[in-house]
């Protein structure tokens, strides 16, 4: 049959693009946090 919710999301580009941008922000935020933590570890090991 298929999920009616997914069809509705597919038909409205506003929702998909909004969700996509939110996802991107989360991914970038997590990546930056990981990089920062990694840099701190490197600095500690050097010092």
Foldseek 3Di string as FASTA:
>chain_A
DDDPVVVVCVVDVVNVVVVVVVVVVVVVVVVVVVVVVVVVVVVVVVD
